[in-house]
C-alpha atoms as a PDB file:
ATOM      1  CA  MET A   1      95.806   5.575 -10.199  1.00  0.00           C
ATOM      2  CA  SER A   2      95.232   4.917  -6.513  1.00  0.00           C
ATOM      3  CA  GLN A   3      92.620   6.785  -4.529  1.00  0.00           C
ATOM      4  CA  ARG A   4      95.283   8.429  -2.315  1.00  0.00           C
ATOM      5  CA  ALA A   5      97.227   9.717  -5.330  1.00  0.00           C
ATOM      6  CA  ASN A   6      94.030  11.064  -6.870  1.00  0.00           C
ATOM      7  CA  ALA A   7      93.146  12.930  -3.665  1.00  0.00           C
ATOM      8  CA  ARG A   8      96.682  14.371  -3.499  1.00  0.00           C
ATOM      9  CA  ARG A   9      96.411  15.617  -7.065  1.00  0.00           C
ATOM     10  CA  VAL A  10      93.043  17.280  -6.398  1.00  0.00           C
ATOM     11  CA  LEU A  11      94.459  19.000  -3.295  1.00  0.00           C
ATOM     12  CA  VAL A  12      97.484  20.315  -5.253  1.00  0.00           C
ATOM     13  CA  ASP A  13      95.172  21.638  -7.965  1.00  0.00           C
ATOM     14  CA  ASP A  14      93.003  23.394  -5.394  1.00  0.00           C
ATOM     15  CA  TYR A  15      95.907  25.148  -3.703  1.00  0.00           C
ATOM     16  CA  PHE A  16      97.365  26.151  -7.056  1.00  0.00           C
ATOM     17  CA  CYS A  17      94.022  27.809  -7.889  1.00  0.00           C
ATOM     18  CA  ILE A  18      94.034  29.634  -4.546  1.00  0.00           C
ATOM     19  CA  PHE A  19      97.556  31.011  -5.015  1.00  0.00           C
ATOM     20  CA  TYR A  20      96.725  32.028  -8.576  1.00  0.00           C
ATOM     21  CA  ARG A  21      93.644  33.905  -7.386  1.00  0.00           C
ATOM     22  CA  ILE A  22      95.562  35.730  -4.658  1.00  0.00           C
ATOM     23  CA  PHE A  23      98.277  36.685  -7.158  1.00  0.00           C
ATOM     24  CA  THR A  24      95.757  38.085  -9.644  1.00  0.00           C
ATOM     25  CA  ASP A  25      94.030  40.026  -6.856  1.00  0.00           C
ATOM     26  CA  LEU A  26      97.311  41.632  -5.802  1.00  0.00           C
ATOM     27  CA  ILE A  27      98.084  42.648  -9.354  1.00  0.00           C
ATOM     28  CA  SER A  28      94.583  44.062  -9.979  1.00  0.00           C
ATOM     29  CA  SER A  29      94.610  45.981  -6.680  1.00  0.00           C
ATOM     30  CA  PHE A  30      98.011  47.475  -7.513  1.00  0.00           C
ATOM     31  CA  ILE A  31      96.719  48.595 -10.934  1.00  0.00           C
ATOM     32  CA  GLY A  32      93.668  50.113  -9.239  1.00  0.00           C
ATOM     33  CA  ILE A  33      95.796  52.143  -6.840  1.00  0.00           C
ATOM     34  CA  ILE A  34      97.935  53.462  -9.692  1.00  0.00           C
ATOM     35  CA  TYR A  35      94.778  54.361 -11.612  1.00  0.00           C
ATOM     36  CA  ILE A  36      93.291  56.289  -8.701  1.00  0.00           C
ATOM     37  CA  SER A  37      96.470  58.130  -7.823  1.00  0.00           C
ATOM     38  CA  THR A  38      97.054  59.300 -11.416  1.00  0.00           C
ATOM     39  CA  VAL A  39      93.620  59.821 -12.941  1.00  0.00           C
ATOM     40  CA  HIS A  40      91.351  60.506  -9.962  1.00  0.00           C
ATOM     41  CA  TYR A  41      93.739  62.432  -7.752  1.00  0.00           C
ATOM     42  CA  SER A  42      91.297  65.347  -7.691  1.00  0.00           C
ATOM     43  CA  THR A  43      88.728  63.221  -5.872  1.00  0.00           C
ATOM     44  CA  ARG A  44      91.008  63.260  -2.770  1.00  0.00           C
ATOM     45  CA  VAL A  45      90.693  59.516  -2.215  1.00  0.00           C
ATOM     46  CA  HIS A  46      92.782  58.419   0.759  1.00  0.00           C
ATOM     47  CA  LEU A  47      95.004  55.614  -0.488  1.00  0.00           C
ATOM     48  CA  GLY A  48      95.493  54.360   3.025  1.00  0.00           C
ATOM     49  CA  LYS A  49      91.852  53.293   3.140  1.00  0.00           C
ATOM     50  CA  ILE A  50      92.277  51.128   0.018  1.00  0.00           C
ATOM     51  CA  GLY A  51      93.643  47.709   0.907  1.00  0.00           C
ATOM     52  CA  PHE A  52      94.828  44.885  -1.234  1.00  0.00           C
ATOM     53  CA  SER A  53      91.419  43.322  -1.029  1.00  0.00           C
ATOM     54  CA  HIS A  54      89.146  42.256  -3.793  1.00  0.00           C
ATOM     55  CA  VAL A  55      86.259  44.185  -2.168  1.00  0.00           C
ATOM     56  CA  THR A  56      87.531  47.601  -3.294  1.00  0.00           C
ATOM     57  CA  LEU A  57      85.392  49.227  -5.940  1.00  0.00           C
ATOM     58  CA  PHE A  58      88.452  50.093  -8.081  1.00  0.00           C
ATOM     59  CA  ARG A  59      89.728  46.556  -8.420  1.00  0.00           C
ATOM     60  CA  LEU A  60      90.159  45.442 -12.041  1.00  0.00           C
ATOM     61  CA  LYS A  61      89.331  41.823 -12.659  1.00  0.00           C
ATOM     62  CA  LEU A  62      91.553  40.208 -15.261  1.00  0.00           C
ATOM     63  CA  ASN A  63      88.876  37.787 -16.370  1.00  0.00           C
ATOM     64  CA  LEU A  64      85.699  39.805 -15.835  1.00  0.00           C
ATOM     65  CA  GLY A  65      82.505  38.071 -16.851  1.00  0.00           C
ATOM     66  CA  HIS A  66      83.932  34.541 -17.086  1.00  0.00           C
ATOM     67  CA  HIS A  67      83.307  31.701 -14.676  1.00  0.00           C
ATOM     68  CA  ARG A  68      86.472  30.104 -13.363  1.00  0.00           C
ATOM     69  CA  PRO A  69      86.292  26.411 -12.446  1.00  0.00           C
ATOM     70  CA  TRP A  70      88.532  26.856  -9.404  1.00  0.00           C
ATOM     71  CA  ASP A  71      85.841  29.059  -7.789  1.00  0.00           C
ATOM     72  CA  ASP A  72      83.900  25.859  -7.075  1.00  0.00           C
ATOM     73  CA  SER A  73      86.796  23.891  -5.578  1.00  0.00           C
ATOM     74  CA  PRO A  74      86.316  22.718  -1.955  1.00  0.00           C
ATOM     75  CA  ALA A  75      89.591  24.215  -0.734  1.00  0.00           C
ATOM     76  CA  TYR A  76      88.797  27.557  -2.357  1.00  0.00           C
ATOM     77  CA  ARG A  77      85.401  27.691  -0.735  1.00  0.00           C
ATOM     78  CA  MET A  78      86.844  26.715   2.642  1.00  0.00           C
ATOM     79  CA  LEU A  79      89.856  29.069   2.756  1.00  0.00           C
ATOM     80  CA  TYR A  80      89.046  31.964   0.459  1.00  0.00           C
ATOM     81  CA  ALA A  81      85.445  32.201  -0.680  1.00  0.00           C
ATOM     82  CA  SER A  82      84.315  33.707   2.635  1.00  0.00           C
ATOM     83  CA  LYS A  83      86.401  36.785   1.813  1.00  0.00           C
ATOM     84  CA  CYS A  84      85.053  37.177  -1.700  1.00  0.00           C
ATOM     85  CA  SER A  85      81.526  38.202  -0.882  1.00  0.00           C
ATOM     86  CA  THR A  86      81.120  41.749  -2.040  1.00  0.00           C
ATOM     87  CA  PRO A  87      79.516  43.789   0.736  1.00  0.00           C
ATOM     88  CA  THR A  88      76.149  45.122  -0.326  1.00  0.00           C
ATOM     89  CA  ARG A  89      74.518  48.261   0.915  1.00  0.00           C
ATOM     90  CA  PRO A  90      71.548  47.426   3.158  1.00  0.00           C
ATOM     91  CA  THR A  91      68.215  47.885   1.478  1.00  0.00           C
ATOM     92  CA  PRO A  92      66.387  50.824   3.027  1.00  0.00           C
ATOM     93  CA  PRO A  93      62.951  50.065   4.426  1.00  0.00           C
ATOM     94  CA  PRO A  94      60.101  50.886   2.074  1.00  0.00           C
ATOM     95  CA  SER A  95      58.651  54.307   2.590  1.00  0.00           C
ATOM     96  CA  PRO A  96      55.183  54.247   4.139  1.00  0.00           C
ATOM     97  CA  VAL A  97      52.355  54.555   1.666  1.00  0.00           C
ATOM     98  CA  ARG A  98      50.540  57.826   2.070  1.00  0.00           C
ATOM     99  CA  LYS A  99      46.848  57.254   2.417  1.00  0.00           C
ATOM    100  CA  PRO A 100      44.707  59.865   0.702  1.00  0.00           C
ATOM    101  CA  LYS A 101      42.985  62.206   3.090  1.00  0.00           C
ATOM    102  CA  THR A 102      39.255  61.819   3.419  1.00  0.00           C
ATOM    103  CA  ARG A 103      37.386  65.080   2.986  1.00  0.00           C
ATOM    104  CA  MET A 104      33.891  65.422   4.325  1.00  0.00           C
ATOM    105  CA  HIS A 105      31.228  65.878   1.653  1.00  0.00           C
ATOM    106  CA  ARG A 106      29.228  68.800   2.980  1.00  0.00           C
ATOM    107  CA  PRO A 107      26.147  68.323   0.747  1.00  0.00           C
ATOM    108  CA  LEU A 108      25.846  64.677   1.816  1.00  0.00           C
ATOM    109  CA  GLN A 109      26.327  65.622   5.439  1.00  0.00           C
ATOM    110  CA  GLY A 110      23.631  68.245   5.041  1.00  0.00           C
ATOM    111  CA  LEU A 111      21.298  65.652   3.501  1.00  0.00           C
ATOM    112  CA  PHE A 112      21.758  63.276   6.439  1.00  0.00           C
ATOM    113  CA  ILE A 113      21.217  66.075   8.951  1.00  0.00           C
ATOM    114  CA  TYR A 114      18.104  67.089   7.053  1.00  0.00           C
ATOM    115  CA  MET A 115      16.785  63.496   7.114  1.00  0.00           C
ATOM    116  CA  LEU A 116      17.256  63.335  10.871  1.00  0.00           C
ATOM    117  CA  ALA A 117      16.381  66.860  11.954  1.00  0.00           C
ATOM    118  CA  MET A 118      13.576  68.015   9.679  1.00  0.00           C
ATOM    119  CA  PRO A 119      10.993  65.311  10.587  1.00  0.00           C
ATOM    120  CA  GLN A 120      11.752  65.926  14.259  1.00  0.00           C
ATOM    121  CA  LEU A 121      11.244  69.655  13.842  1.00  0.00           C
ATOM    122  CA  VAL A 122       7.951  69.154  11.988  1.00  0.00           C
ATOM    123  CA  TYR A 123       6.706  66.817  14.730  1.00  0.00           C
ATOM    124  CA  PHE A 124       7.683  69.242  17.483  1.00  0.00           C
ATOM    125  CA  LEU A 125       5.928  72.121  15.736  1.00  0.00           C
ATOM    126  CA  ALA A 126       2.784  70.082  15.125  1.00  0.00           C
ATOM    127  CA  TRP A 127       2.392  68.078  18.346  1.00  0.00           C
ATOM    128  CA  GLY A 128       4.949  69.473  20.753  1.00  0.00           C
ATOM    129  CA  VAL A 129       8.010  67.881  22.341  1.00  0.00           C
ATOM    130  CA  PRO A 130       7.134  64.468  23.855  1.00  0.00           C
ATOM    131  CA  ILE A 131       8.998  64.962  27.124  1.00  0.00           C
ATOM    132  CA  GLY A 132       7.236  62.109  28.887  1.00  0.00           C
ATOM    133  CA  GLU A 133       8.094  59.615  26.173  1.00  0.00           C
ATOM    134  CA  LEU A 134      11.757  60.655  26.084  1.00  0.00           C
ATOM    135  CA  ASN A 135      11.960  60.286  29.873  1.00  0.00           C
ATOM    136  CA  GLU A 136      10.470  56.813  29.576  1.00  0.00           C
ATOM    137  CA  TRP A 137      13.191  55.787  27.100  1.00  0.00           C
ATOM    138  CA  PHE A 138      16.241  57.123  28.903  1.00  0.00           C
ATOM    139  CA  GLU A 139      15.278  57.645  32.533  1.00  0.00           C
ATOM    140  CA  ALA A 140      16.364  54.174  33.589  1.00  0.00           C
ATOM    141  CA  LEU A 141      19.793  54.669  31.955  1.00  0.00           C
ATOM    142  CA  LEU A 142      20.459  57.579  34.321  1.00  0.00           C
ATOM    143  CA  ASP A 143      19.383  55.626  37.397  1.00  0.00           C
ATOM    144  CA  PRO A 144      22.340  53.790  38.998  1.00  0.00           C
ATOM    145  CA  THR A 145      20.002  51.494  40.891  1.00  0.00           C
ATOM    146  CA  ALA A 146      18.297  50.333  37.698  1.00  0.00           C
ATOM    147  CA  VAL A 147      21.615  49.869  35.888  1.00  0.00           C
ATOM    148  CA  GLY A 148      22.965  47.806  38.791  1.00  0.00           C
ATOM    149  CA  ARG A 149      19.841  45.648  38.699  1.00  0.00           C
ATOM    150  CA  TRP A 150      20.354  44.987  34.987  1.00  0.00           C
ATOM    151  CA  ILE A 151      23.993  44.024  35.447  1.00  0.00           C
ATOM    152  CA  ARG A 152      23.102  41.532  38.198  1.00  0.00           C
ATOM    153  CA  ASP A 153      20.325  40.022  36.101  1.00  0.00           C
ATOM    154  CA  PRO A 154      21.483  36.623  34.668  1.00  0.00           C
ATOM    155  CA  ARG A 155      19.483  37.259  31.499  1.00  0.00           C
ATOM    156  CA  PHE A 156      21.329  40.512  30.842  1.00  0.00           C
ATOM    157  CA  GLN A 157      24.656  38.775  31.510  1.00  0.00           C
ATOM    158  CA  LYS A 158      23.856  36.050  28.973  1.00  0.00           C
ATOM    159  CA  VAL A 159      22.977  38.638  26.346  1.00  0.00           C
ATOM    160  CA  ALA A 160      26.224  40.483  27.080  1.00  0.00           C
ATOM    161  CA  LEU A 161      28.233  37.276  26.578  1.00  0.00           C
ATOM    162  CA  ALA A 162      26.404  36.551  23.317  1.00  0.00           C
ATOM    163  CA  LEU A 163      27.143  40.060  22.020  1.00  0.00           C
ATOM    164  CA  ALA A 164      30.782  39.881  23.136  1.00  0.00           C
ATOM    165  CA  PHE A 165      31.338  36.599  21.256  1.00  0.00           C
ATOM    166  CA  GLU A 166      31.373  38.381  17.887  1.00  0.00           C
ATOM    167  CA  ARG A 167      33.804  41.041  19.162  1.00  0.00           C
ATOM    168  CA  ALA A 168      36.122  38.344  20.545  1.00  0.00           C
ATOM    169  CA  CYS A 169      36.178  36.603  17.148  1.00  0.00           C
ATOM    170  CA  TYR A 170      36.960  39.790  15.254  1.00  0.00           C
ATOM    171  CA  THR A 171      39.596  40.817  17.789  1.00  0.00           C
ATOM    172  CA  PHE A 172      41.374  37.508  17.213  1.00  0.00           C
ATOM    173  CA  VAL A 173      41.177  37.911  13.432  1.00  0.00           C
ATOM    174  CA  TRP A 174      42.550  41.471  13.619  1.00  0.00           C
ATOM    175  CA  CYS A 175      45.314  40.969  16.190  1.00  0.00           C
ATOM    176  CA  CYS A 176      46.533  37.492  15.163  1.00  0.00           C
ATOM    177  CA  PRO A 177      46.324  37.361  11.349  1.00  0.00           C
ATOM    178  CA  GLU A 178      49.088  34.772  10.853  1.00  0.00           C
ATOM    179  CA  LEU A 179      47.625  32.438  13.449  1.00  0.00           C
ATOM    180  CA  PHE A 180      44.188  32.760  11.904  1.00  0.00           C
ATOM    181  CA  ARG A 181      45.647  32.255   8.413  1.00  0.00           C
ATOM    182  CA  ARG A 182      47.118  28.929   9.516  1.00  0.00           C
ATOM    183  CA  ALA A 183      43.860  27.946  11.196  1.00  0.00           C
ATOM    184  CA  ALA A 184      41.837  28.902   8.098  1.00  0.00           C
ATOM    185  CA  GLY A 185      44.195  26.840   5.932  1.00  0.00           C
ATOM    186  CA  SER A 186      43.702  23.677   7.966  1.00  0.00           C
ATOM    187  CA  LYS A 187      41.769  20.796   6.469  1.00  0.00           C
ATOM    188  CA  PRO A 188      38.521  21.238   8.463  1.00  0.00           C
ATOM    189  CA  MET A 189      38.397  24.975   7.707  1.00  0.00           C
ATOM    190  CA  ARG A 190      39.006  24.454   3.983  1.00  0.00           C
ATOM    191  CA  ILE A 191      35.643  22.706   3.908  1.00  0.00           C
ATOM    192  CA  ILE A 192      34.026  25.908   5.195  1.00  0.00           C
ATOM    193  CA  GLY A 193      35.825  28.345   2.889  1.00  0.00           C
ATOM    194  CA  SER A 194      38.619  28.451   0.348  1.00  0.00           C
ATOM    195  CA  ASN A 195      40.198  31.603   1.805  1.00  0.00           C
ATOM    196  CA  PRO A 196      40.324  33.382   5.188  1.00  0.00           C
ATOM    197  CA  VAL A 197      37.609  35.902   4.281  1.00  0.00           C
ATOM    198  CA  ASP A 198      35.115  33.147   3.448  1.00  0.00           C
ATOM    199  CA  VAL A 199      36.025  31.406   6.701  1.00  0.00           C
ATOM    200  CA  ILE A 200      35.382  34.623   8.645  1.00  0.00           C
ATOM    201  CA  VAL A 201      31.984  35.105   7.012  1.00  0.00           C
ATOM    202  CA  ARG A 202      30.776  31.508   7.270  1.00  0.00           C
ATOM    203  CA  ALA A 203      32.382  30.405  10.539  1.00  0.00           C
ATOM    204  CA  MET A 204      32.172  33.682  12.497  1.00  0.00           C
ATOM    205  CA  PHE A 205      29.781  36.230  11.017  1.00  0.00           C
ATOM    206  CA  TYR A 206      26.764  34.001  10.398  1.00  0.00           C
ATOM    207  CA  PRO A 207      26.929  32.112  13.744  1.00  0.00           C
ATOM    208  CA  SER A 208      27.588  35.297  15.708  1.00  0.00           C
ATOM    209  CA  LYS A 209      24.648  37.098  14.074  1.00  0.00           C
ATOM    210  CA  VAL A 210      22.331  34.176  14.829  1.00  0.00           C
ATOM    211  CA  LEU A 211      23.576  34.185  18.424  1.00  0.00           C
ATOM    212  CA  GLN A 212      23.302  37.963  18.642  1.00  0.00           C
ATOM    213  CA  CYS A 213      19.803  38.305  17.234  1.00  0.00           C
ATOM    214  CA  GLY A 214      18.566  35.186  19.037  1.00  0.00           C
ATOM    215  CA  SER A 215      19.830  36.349  22.415  1.00  0.00           C
ATOM    216  CA  MET A 216      18.327  39.828  22.010  1.00  0.00           C
ATOM    217  CA  LEU A 217      14.987  38.365  20.926  1.00  0.00           C
ATOM    218  CA  TRP A 218      15.056  35.959  23.896  1.00  0.00           C
ATOM    219  CA  PHE A 219      15.828  38.834  26.278  1.00  0.00           C
ATOM    220  CA  TYR A 220      13.026  40.925  24.767  1.00  0.00           C
ATOM    221  CA  LEU A 221      10.436  38.150  25.165  1.00  0.00           C
ATOM    222  CA  SER A 222      11.601  37.079  28.620  1.00  0.00           C
ATOM    223  CA  THR A 223      11.586  40.494  30.279  1.00  0.00           C
ATOM    224  CA  ALA A 224       8.072  41.610  29.349  1.00  0.00           C
ATOM    225  CA  PRO A 225       5.197  40.800  26.967  1.00  0.00           C
ATOM    226  CA  ALA A 226       5.779  41.824  23.374  1.00  0.00           C
ATOM    227  CA  VAL A 227       3.881  44.585  21.639  1.00  0.00           C
ATOM    228  CA  SER A 228       0.482  43.132  20.877  1.00  0.00           C
ATOM    229  CA  SER A 229      -0.616  45.572  18.177  1.00  0.00           C
ATOM    230  CA  PRO A 230       1.070  48.057  15.845  1.00  0.00           C
ATOM    231  CA  PHE A 231      -1.229  50.690  17.290  1.00  0.00           C
ATOM    232  CA  ASP A 232       0.398  50.274  20.698  1.00  0.00           C
ATOM    233  CA  VAL A 233       3.473  52.054  19.333  1.00  0.00           C
ATOM    234  CA  THR A 234       3.276  55.841  19.418  1.00  0.00           C
ATOM    235  CA  ALA A 235       3.720  58.017  16.353  1.00  0.00           C
ATOM    236  CA  TYR A 236       6.893  59.562  17.726  1.00  0.00           C
ATOM    237  CA  ALA A 237       8.373  56.090  18.366  1.00  0.00           C
ATOM    238  CA  TYR A 238       7.611  55.171  14.749  1.00  0.00           C
ATOM    239  CA  LEU A 239       9.258  58.355  13.544  1.00  0.00           C
ATOM    240  CA  CYS A 240      12.487  57.914  15.544  1.00  0.00           C
ATOM    241  CA  ALA A 241      12.722  54.194  14.846  1.00  0.00           C
ATOM    242  CA  LEU A 242      12.282  54.579  11.086  1.00  0.00           C
ATOM    243  CA  GLN A 243      14.804  57.408  10.939  1.00  0.00           C
ATOM    244  CA  LEU A 244      17.443  55.442  12.832  1.00  0.00           C
ATOM    245  CA  ILE A 245      16.885  52.161  10.959  1.00  0.00           C
ATOM    246  CA  ILE A 246      16.829  53.721   7.472  1.00  0.00           C
ATOM    247  CA  CYS A 247      19.909  55.910   8.005  1.00  0.00           C
ATOM    248  CA  GLY A 248      21.773  53.051   9.691  1.00  0.00           C
ATOM    249  CA  GLN A 249      21.083  50.629   6.871  1.00  0.00           C
ATOM    250  CA  ILE A 250      22.102  53.231   4.277  1.00  0.00           C
ATOM    251  CA  LEU A 251      25.491  53.446   5.994  1.00  0.00           C
ATOM    252  CA  ASN A 252      25.795  49.644   6.172  1.00  0.00           C
ATOM    253  CA  ALA A 253      24.896  49.197   2.501  1.00  0.00           C
ATOM    254  CA  GLY A 254      27.332  51.969   1.564  1.00  0.00           C
ATOM    255  CA  ILE A 255      30.185  50.161   3.304  1.00  0.00           C
ATOM    256  CA  TYR A 256      29.637  46.947   1.350  1.00  0.00           C
ATOM    257  CA  ARG A 257      29.340  48.890  -1.894  1.00  0.00           C
ATOM    258  CA  ALA A 258      32.529  50.892  -1.201  1.00  0.00           C
ATOM    259  CA  ILE A 259      35.015  48.218  -0.049  1.00  0.00           C
ATOM    260  CA  GLY A 260      33.176  44.938  -0.610  1.00  0.00           C
ATOM    261  CA  LYS A 261      33.176  41.799   1.466  1.00  0.00           C
ATOM    262  CA  ALA A 262      36.985  41.586   1.514  1.00  0.00           C
ATOM    263  CA  GLY A 263      37.244  45.082   2.956  1.00  0.00           C
ATOM    264  CA  VAL A 264      34.565  44.602   5.597  1.00  0.00           C
ATOM    265  CA  TYR A 265      36.055  41.335   6.855  1.00  0.00           C
ATOM    266  CA  TYR A 266      39.737  42.366   7.012  1.00  0.00           C
ATOM    267  CA  GLY A 267      40.730  40.867   3.674  1.00  0.00           C
ATOM    268  CA  PHE A 268      43.694  43.260   3.325  1.00  0.00           C
ATOM    269  CA  LYS A 269      45.385  41.356   6.158  1.00  0.00           C
ATOM    270  CA  TYR A 270      45.191  38.154   4.098  1.00  0.00           C
ATOM    271  CA  GLY A 271      46.418  39.303   0.701  1.00  0.00           C
ATOM    272  CA  PHE A 272      43.236  40.728  -0.816  1.00  0.00           C
ATOM    273  CA  GLN A 273      43.465  44.007  -2.695  1.00  0.00           C
ATOM    274  CA  VAL A 274      41.129  46.396  -0.896  1.00  0.00           C
ATOM    275  CA  PRO A 275      40.836  49.941  -2.280  1.00  0.00           C
ATOM    276  CA  TRP A 276      41.348  52.847   0.093  1.00  0.00           C
ATOM    277  CA  CYS A 277      37.959  54.527  -0.065  1.00  0.00           C
ATOM    278  CA  THR A 278      37.502  58.249   0.540  1.00  0.00           C
ATOM    279  CA  GLY A 279      33.971  58.461  -0.832  1.00  0.00           C
ATOM    280  CA  PHE A 280      30.593  57.579   0.607  1.00  0.00           C
ATOM    281  CA  PRO A 281      29.995  56.659   3.414  1.00  0.00           C
ATOM    282  CA  PHE A 282      33.425  57.609   4.803  1.00  0.00           C
ATOM    283  CA  ASN A 283      32.969  61.214   3.738  1.00  0.00           C
ATOM    284  CA  VAL A 284      29.734  61.633   5.690  1.00  0.00           C
ATOM    285  CA  CYS A 285      30.339  60.843   9.341  1.00  0.00           C
ATOM    286  CA  THR A 286      33.197  58.868  10.913  1.00  0.00           C
ATOM    287  CA  ALA A 287      35.999  56.443  10.084  1.00  0.00           C
ATOM    288  CA  HIS A 288      33.666  53.575  11.099  1.00  0.00           C
ATOM    289  CA  PRO A 289      30.326  54.245   9.401  1.00  0.00           C
ATOM    290  CA  GLN A 290      29.363  50.577   9.555  1.00  0.00           C
ATOM    291  CA  TYR A 291      29.548  50.551  13.347  1.00  0.00           C
ATOM    292  CA  LEU A 292      27.579  53.784  13.518  1.00  0.00           C
ATOM    293  CA  GLY A 293      24.951  52.325  11.199  1.00  0.00           C
ATOM    294  CA  ALA A 294      24.661  49.127  13.240  1.00  0.00           C
ATOM    295  CA  THR A 295      24.325  51.147  16.459  1.00  0.00           C
ATOM    296  CA  MET A 296      21.603  53.328  14.951  1.00  0.00           C
ATOM    297  CA  THR A 297      19.745  50.206  13.792  1.00  0.00           C
ATOM    298  CA  SER A 298      19.945  48.659  17.269  1.00  0.00           C
ATOM    299  CA  PHE A 299      18.486  51.759  18.927  1.00  0.00           C
ATOM    300  CA  GLY A 300      15.793  51.987  16.252  1.00  0.00           C
ATOM    301  CA  MET A 301      14.663  48.403  16.821  1.00  0.00           C
ATOM    302  CA  VAL A 302      14.566  48.885  20.588  1.00  0.00           C
ATOM    303  CA  ILE A 303      12.451  52.047  20.250  1.00  0.00           C
ATOM    304  CA  LEU A 304      10.124  50.391  17.749  1.00  0.00           C
ATOM    305  CA  LEU A 305       9.427  47.212  19.749  1.00  0.00           C
ATOM    306  CA  SER A 306       9.802  48.136  23.430  1.00  0.00           C
ATOM    307  CA  THR A 307       7.067  48.872  25.937  1.00  0.00           C
ATOM    308  CA  PRO A 308       7.484  50.727  29.259  1.00  0.00           C
ATOM    309  CA  ALA A 309       8.044  47.361  30.958  1.00  0.00           C
ATOM    310  CA  HIS A 310      10.852  46.544  28.508  1.00  0.00           C
ATOM    311  CA  TYR A 311      12.556  49.880  29.169  1.00  0.00           C
ATOM    312  CA  ALA A 312      12.378  49.273  32.907  1.00  0.00           C
ATOM    313  CA  ASN A 313      13.945  45.819  32.526  1.00  0.00           C
ATOM    314  CA  GLY A 314      16.898  46.931  30.397  1.00  0.00           C
ATOM    315  CA  THR A 315      16.203  46.730  26.653  1.00  0.00           C
ATOM    316  CA  MET A 316      17.696  50.191  26.192  1.00  0.00           C
ATOM    317  CA  GLY A 317      20.652  49.012  28.269  1.00  0.00           C
ATOM    318  CA  VAL A 318      21.227  46.211  25.731  1.00  0.00           C
ATOM    319  CA  ALA A 319      21.358  48.785  22.925  1.00  0.00           C
ATOM    320  CA  VAL A 320      23.856  50.863  24.917  1.00  0.00           C
ATOM    321  CA  LEU A 321      25.965  47.742  25.522  1.00  0.00           C
ATOM    322  CA  GLN A 322      25.940  47.063  21.777  1.00  0.00           C
ATOM    323  CA  ALA A 323      27.172  50.618  21.154  1.00  0.00           C
ATOM    324  CA  VAL A 324      29.975  50.200  23.716  1.00  0.00           C
ATOM    325  CA  LEU A 325      31.138  46.984  22.039  1.00  0.00           C
ATOM    326  CA  TYR A 326      31.219  48.714  18.656  1.00  0.00           C
ATOM    327  CA  ILE A 327      33.310  51.505  20.164  1.00  0.00           C
ATOM    328  CA  TYR A 328      35.675  48.873  21.558  1.00  0.00           C
ATOM    329  CA  MET A 329      36.026  47.291  18.120  1.00  0.00           C
ATOM    330  CA  ALA A 330      36.721  50.664  16.530  1.00  0.00           C
ATOM    331  CA  ILE A 331      39.552  51.222  19.045  1.00  0.00           C
ATOM    332  CA  VAL A 332      40.998  47.774  18.261  1.00  0.00           C
ATOM    333  CA  GLU A 333      40.986  48.465  14.521  1.00  0.00           C
ATOM    334  CA  SER A 334      42.702  51.816  15.029  1.00  0.00           C
ATOM    335  CA  GLN A 335      45.799  50.116  16.470  1.00  0.00           C
END
């Protein structure tokens, strides 16, 4: 048989299948209309809205459940298959997951207040309020001239850039997760870590902490001589510094224990299962206890190591800048 005769035979077969399908659809639609009008008349279905289309829900297929070979014919797909797609109801968007409400744990809050307030009260009752020492710590912060001098100081500007580097990295990770996922999956980054969280820790956290601590230590040593003896630090400075450092590190350790490394470094944005924690330390202070703990530690270290010359040259201003950057990061993560 010639190729032209074979093509003509295939075309005739295809059109025969199309006409057969249309005929069966007309018959099944007619049976459906009769069925509705006789059995389901009480449902008040408007017959005018029911066409002779295969998309009606009351259409009875004569060969239900069987595959017909003419459904795969080229002519059928070209002329008729576009009408045979049964319209589906759009899938509603998933309902938002309700996060459990965090309730403050009053006994724990009372314990933290006791740890901070009671030693202060005992010191005040025994030795009085150290007004002169408190003025020495914070007087320069309230002086616009001193603050302006710090901001114009190139050493302060370098420390500010070093502290802002970590916030810039975390802002990128938070706001551009897909872009960072692709970057973390590249060949050079796979050497650093097998997943985005490991890349964040090894390529961002460790370098930024070295830069952060190194820049603050450099600023401390370059602005004034370091404390030469532990006895140069007053008793009240020891008290405040130890309180701030211990409470801050308790909050930091509690964060890692509650949500783990994946929770601290935004693992939920990269497919890690991070539990929604309502316990300690979230039930003690704020929604960002880690940032509060890091801020308390920064102020504690400044109070413990600074001399009057350091305060005058802006070490307390560096701690305030650190607190402002943590507040910025908390605002970013709330979006």
